């Protein structure tokens, strides 16, 4: 299906901010330098597996600027960006909404599993990401 309107650079950055922010939140839920590296690398694979406009948004263009002072500040940027990303895709490329949700949740899950399995703190963050994406526990 061809989109009626292409995503703007700002809209692509919103998708990327939400997705990268979600991974950052998961990676920092159970901190450690080596773990952070492994988790980020694992999540990158999920982004590369995306297709369509979601892949274009997540793998091209500049990196998002996320706050660095606290996880709470990152969450205050990332979760609204996820909600806005779903709205953008619903309006411009509705068939890409499930793709975006799936890719973000896969990246979050890969990040959590990359170092000693999913911790309770990581699971809690993934639940908040799932809520921001508008999905239930099964991802729908």
C-alpha atoms as a PDB file:
ATOM      1  CA  UNK A   1       0.000   0.000   0.000  1.00  0.00           C
ATOM      2  CA  UNK A   2       1.307   3.457  -0.902  1.00  0.00           C
ATOM      3  CA  UNK A   3       1.111   6.131   1.770  1.00  0.00           C
ATOM      4  CA  UNK A   4      -0.984   9.184   0.976  1.00  0.00           C
ATOM      5  CA  UNK A   5       1.671  11.358   2.630  1.00  0.00           C
ATOM      6  CA  UNK A   6       5.289  10.508   3.371  1.00  0.00           C
ATOM      7  CA  UNK A   7       6.574  10.964   6.892  1.00  0.00           C
ATOM      8  CA  UNK A   8       8.368  14.222   7.541  1.00  0.00           C
ATOM      9  CA  UNK A   9      11.855  14.242   9.024  1.00  0.00           C
ATOM     10  CA  UNK A  10      10.330  15.384  12.320  1.00  0.00           C
ATOM     11  CA  UNK A  11       7.842  12.498  12.291  1.00  0.00           C
ATOM     12  CA  UNK A  12      10.626  10.002  11.555  1.00  0.00           C
ATOM     13  CA  UNK A  13      12.590  11.433  14.467  1.00  0.00           C
ATOM     14  CA  UNK A  14       9.532  10.961  16.708  1.00  0.00           C
ATOM     15  CA  UNK A  15       9.421   7.262  15.798  1.00  0.00           C
ATOM     16  CA  UNK A  16      13.151   6.950  16.434  1.00  0.00           C
ATOM     17  CA  UNK A  17      12.966   8.865  19.721  1.00  0.00           C
ATOM     18  CA  UNK A  18      10.277   6.544  21.029  1.00  0.00           C
ATOM     19  CA  UNK A  19      11.982   3.363  19.871  1.00  0.00           C
ATOM     20  CA  UNK A  20      15.492   4.278  21.003  1.00  0.00           C
ATOM     21  CA  UNK A  21      14.110   5.715  24.232  1.00  0.00           C
ATOM     22  CA  UNK A  22      12.299   2.444  24.968  1.00  0.00           C
ATOM     23  CA  UNK A  23      15.523   0.483  24.540  1.00  0.00           C
ATOM     24  CA  UNK A  24      17.432   2.988  26.659  1.00  0.00           C
ATOM     25  CA  UNK A  25      14.861   2.643  29.443  1.00  0.00           C
ATOM     26  CA  UNK A  26      15.068  -1.154  29.389  1.00  0.00           C
ATOM     27  CA  UNK A  27      18.865  -1.120  29.283  1.00  0.00           C
ATOM     28  CA  UNK A  28      19.030   1.256  32.235  1.00  0.00           C
ATOM     29  CA  UNK A  29      16.440  -0.596  34.291  1.00  0.00           C
ATOM     30  CA  UNK A  30      19.152  -3.094  35.230  1.00  0.00           C
ATOM     31  CA  UNK A  31      22.334  -1.049  34.742  1.00  0.00           C
ATOM     32  CA  UNK A  32      25.886  -2.115  34.026  1.00  0.00           C
ATOM     33  CA  UNK A  33      28.345  -0.983  31.350  1.00  0.00           C
ATOM     34  CA  UNK A  34      28.840  -4.391  29.726  1.00  0.00           C
ATOM     35  CA  UNK A  35      25.135  -5.122  29.962  1.00  0.00           C
ATOM     36  CA  UNK A  36      24.304  -1.758  28.356  1.00  0.00           C
ATOM     37  CA  UNK A  37      26.556  -2.557  25.390  1.00  0.00           C
ATOM     38  CA  UNK A  38      25.112  -6.047  24.912  1.00  0.00           C
ATOM     39  CA  UNK A  39      21.557  -4.808  25.283  1.00  0.00           C
ATOM     40  CA  UNK A  40      21.975  -1.957  22.814  1.00  0.00           C
ATOM     41  CA  UNK A  41      23.592  -4.253  20.258  1.00  0.00           C
ATOM     42  CA  UNK A  42      20.797  -6.808  20.630  1.00  0.00           C
ATOM     43  CA  UNK A  43      18.121  -4.142  20.173  1.00  0.00           C
ATOM     44  CA  UNK A  44      19.784  -2.805  17.017  1.00  0.00           C
ATOM     45  CA  UNK A  45      19.079  -6.126  15.352  1.00  0.00           C
ATOM     46  CA  UNK A  46      15.342  -5.671  15.881  1.00  0.00           C
ATOM     47  CA  UNK A  47      15.471  -2.239  14.252  1.00  0.00           C
ATOM     48  CA  UNK A  48      17.351  -3.680  11.279  1.00  0.00           C
ATOM     49  CA  UNK A  49      14.643  -6.357  10.918  1.00  0.00           C
ATOM     50  CA  UNK A  50      11.929  -3.720  10.488  1.00  0.00           C
ATOM     51  CA  UNK A  51      10.335  -3.111   7.115  1.00  0.00           C
ATOM     52  CA  UNK A  52       8.715  -0.270   5.246  1.00  0.00           C
ATOM     53  CA  UNK A  53       8.526   3.236   6.601  1.00  0.00           C
ATOM     54  CA  UNK A  54       9.347   1.971  10.103  1.00  0.00           C
ATOM     55  CA  UNK A  55      12.704   0.644   8.917  1.00  0.00           C
ATOM     56  CA  UNK A  56      13.371   3.879   7.069  1.00  0.00           C
ATOM     57  CA  UNK A  57      12.625   5.936  10.175  1.00  0.00           C
ATOM     58  CA  UNK A  58      14.606   3.772  12.601  1.00  0.00           C
ATOM     59  CA  UNK A  59      17.700   3.161  10.505  1.00  0.00           C
ATOM     60  CA  UNK A  60      18.171   6.492   8.731  1.00  0.00           C
ATOM     61  CA  UNK A  61      18.714  10.071   9.734  1.00  0.00           C
ATOM     62  CA  UNK A  62      20.114  11.530  12.922  1.00  0.00           C
ATOM     63  CA  UNK A  63      20.049   9.862  16.310  1.00  0.00           C
ATOM     64  CA  UNK A  64      17.452  11.181  18.733  1.00  0.00           C
ATOM     65  CA  UNK A  65      18.521  13.432  21.574  1.00  0.00           C
ATOM     66  CA  UNK A  66      17.417  11.849  24.806  1.00  0.00           C
ATOM     67  CA  UNK A  67      17.844  13.410  28.241  1.00  0.00           C
ATOM     68  CA  UNK A  68      20.850  12.080  30.131  1.00  0.00           C
ATOM     69  CA  UNK A  69      20.147  13.148  33.699  1.00  0.00           C
ATOM     70  CA  UNK A  70      17.697  10.462  34.812  1.00  0.00           C
ATOM     71  CA  UNK A  71      15.600   7.541  33.657  1.00  0.00           C
ATOM     72  CA  UNK A  72      12.509   9.514  34.692  1.00  0.00           C
ATOM     73  CA  UNK A  73      13.441  12.279  32.248  1.00  0.00           C
ATOM     74  CA  UNK A  74      14.057   9.742  29.476  1.00  0.00           C
ATOM     75  CA  UNK A  75      10.699   8.164  30.221  1.00  0.00           C
ATOM     76  CA  UNK A  76       9.013  11.583  30.070  1.00  0.00           C
ATOM     77  CA  UNK A  77      10.299  11.913  26.495  1.00  0.00           C
ATOM     78  CA  UNK A  78      10.241   8.322  25.240  1.00  0.00           C
ATOM     79  CA  UNK A  79       6.745   7.224  26.266  1.00  0.00           C
ATOM     80  CA  UNK A  80       4.970  10.264  24.785  1.00  0.00           C
ATOM     81  CA  UNK A  81       7.074   9.800  21.623  1.00  0.00           C
ATOM     82  CA  UNK A  82       5.865   6.196  21.378  1.00  0.00           C
ATOM     83  CA  UNK A  83       2.237   7.313  21.727  1.00  0.00           C
ATOM     84  CA  UNK A  84       2.762  10.069  19.134  1.00  0.00           C
ATOM     85  CA  UNK A  85       4.534   7.651  16.768  1.00  0.00           C
ATOM     86  CA  UNK A  86       1.515   5.341  16.823  1.00  0.00           C
ATOM     87  CA  UNK A  87      -0.748   8.334  16.087  1.00  0.00           C
ATOM     88  CA  UNK A  88       1.473   9.439  13.192  1.00  0.00           C
ATOM     89  CA  UNK A  89       1.516   5.978  11.662  1.00  0.00           C
ATOM     90  CA  UNK A  90      -2.220   5.494  12.194  1.00  0.00           C
ATOM     91  CA  UNK A  91      -2.844   8.676  10.211  1.00  0.00           C
ATOM     92  CA  UNK A  92      -0.264   8.224   7.460  1.00  0.00           C
ATOM     93  CA  UNK A  93       0.513   4.506   7.178  1.00  0.00           C
ATOM     94  CA  UNK A  94      -1.958   2.470   9.248  1.00  0.00           C
ATOM     95  CA  UNK A  95      -0.542  -0.838   8.030  1.00  0.00           C
ATOM     96  CA  UNK A  96       2.756   0.116   9.670  1.00  0.00           C
ATOM     97  CA  UNK A  97       1.320   0.496  13.206  1.00  0.00           C
ATOM     98  CA  UNK A  98       1.628  -3.230  14.014  1.00  0.00           C
ATOM     99  CA  UNK A  99       5.114  -3.244  12.469  1.00  0.00           C
ATOM    100  CA  UNK A 100       6.240  -0.385  14.711  1.00  0.00           C
ATOM    101  CA  UNK A 101       4.721  -1.932  17.819  1.00  0.00           C
ATOM    102  CA  UNK A 102       6.288  -5.295  17.053  1.00  0.00           C
ATOM    103  CA  UNK A 103       9.734  -3.851  16.333  1.00  0.00           C
ATOM    104  CA  UNK A 104       9.812  -1.707  19.480  1.00  0.00           C
ATOM    105  CA  UNK A 105       8.660  -4.578  21.695  1.00  0.00           C
ATOM    106  CA  UNK A 106      11.126  -6.969  20.035  1.00  0.00           C
ATOM    107  CA  UNK A 107      13.958  -4.481  20.572  1.00  0.00           C
ATOM    108  CA  UNK A 108      12.963  -3.988  24.217  1.00  0.00           C
ATOM    109  CA  UNK A 109      12.728  -7.742  24.749  1.00  0.00           C
ATOM    110  CA  UNK A 110      16.063  -8.404  23.042  1.00  0.00           C
ATOM    111  CA  UNK A 111      17.679  -5.708  25.146  1.00  0.00           C
ATOM    112  CA  UNK A 112      16.270  -7.221  28.334  1.00  0.00           C
ATOM    113  CA  UNK A 113      17.308 -10.774  27.436  1.00  0.00           C
ATOM    114  CA  UNK A 114      20.808  -9.847  26.271  1.00  0.00           C
ATOM    115  CA  UNK A 115      22.318  -9.914  29.759  1.00  0.00           C
ATOM    116  CA  UNK A 116      21.237 -12.529  32.314  1.00  0.00           C
ATOM    117  CA  UNK A 117      17.584 -12.681  31.219  1.00  0.00           C
ATOM    118  CA  UNK A 118      14.722 -10.311  31.933  1.00  0.00           C
ATOM    119  CA  UNK A 119      14.876  -8.756  35.394  1.00  0.00           C
ATOM    120  CA  UNK A 120      11.726  -7.620  37.233  1.00  0.00           C
ATOM    121  CA  UNK A 121      12.765  -3.983  36.681  1.00  0.00           C
ATOM    122  CA  UNK A 122      13.168  -4.586  32.933  1.00  0.00           C
ATOM    123  CA  UNK A 123       9.813  -6.362  32.792  1.00  0.00           C
ATOM    124  CA  UNK A 124       8.171  -3.374  34.474  1.00  0.00           C
ATOM    125  CA  UNK A 125       9.690  -0.984  31.921  1.00  0.00           C
ATOM    126  CA  UNK A 126       8.577  -3.207  29.036  1.00  0.00           C
ATOM    127  CA  UNK A 127       5.034  -3.118  30.446  1.00  0.00           C
ATOM    128  CA  UNK A 128       5.144   0.716  30.419  1.00  0.00           C
ATOM    129  CA  UNK A 129       6.450   0.667  26.842  1.00  0.00           C
ATOM    130  CA  UNK A 130       3.658  -1.738  25.874  1.00  0.00           C
ATOM    131  CA  UNK A 131       1.125   0.623  27.460  1.00  0.00           C
ATOM    132  CA  UNK A 132       2.501   3.621  25.583  1.00  0.00           C
ATOM    133  CA  UNK A 133       2.232   1.650  22.346  1.00  0.00           C
ATOM    134  CA  UNK A 134      -1.407   0.886  23.120  1.00  0.00           C
ATOM    135  CA  UNK A 135      -0.962  -2.873  23.268  1.00  0.00           C
ATOM    136  CA  UNK A 136      -2.130  -5.387  25.820  1.00  0.00           C
ATOM    137  CA  UNK A 137       0.001  -8.116  27.399  1.00  0.00           C
ATOM    138  CA  UNK A 138      -0.071 -10.201  24.209  1.00  0.00           C
ATOM    139  CA  UNK A 139       1.127  -7.304  22.067  1.00  0.00           C
ATOM    140  CA  UNK A 140      -2.177  -6.608  20.312  1.00  0.00           C
END
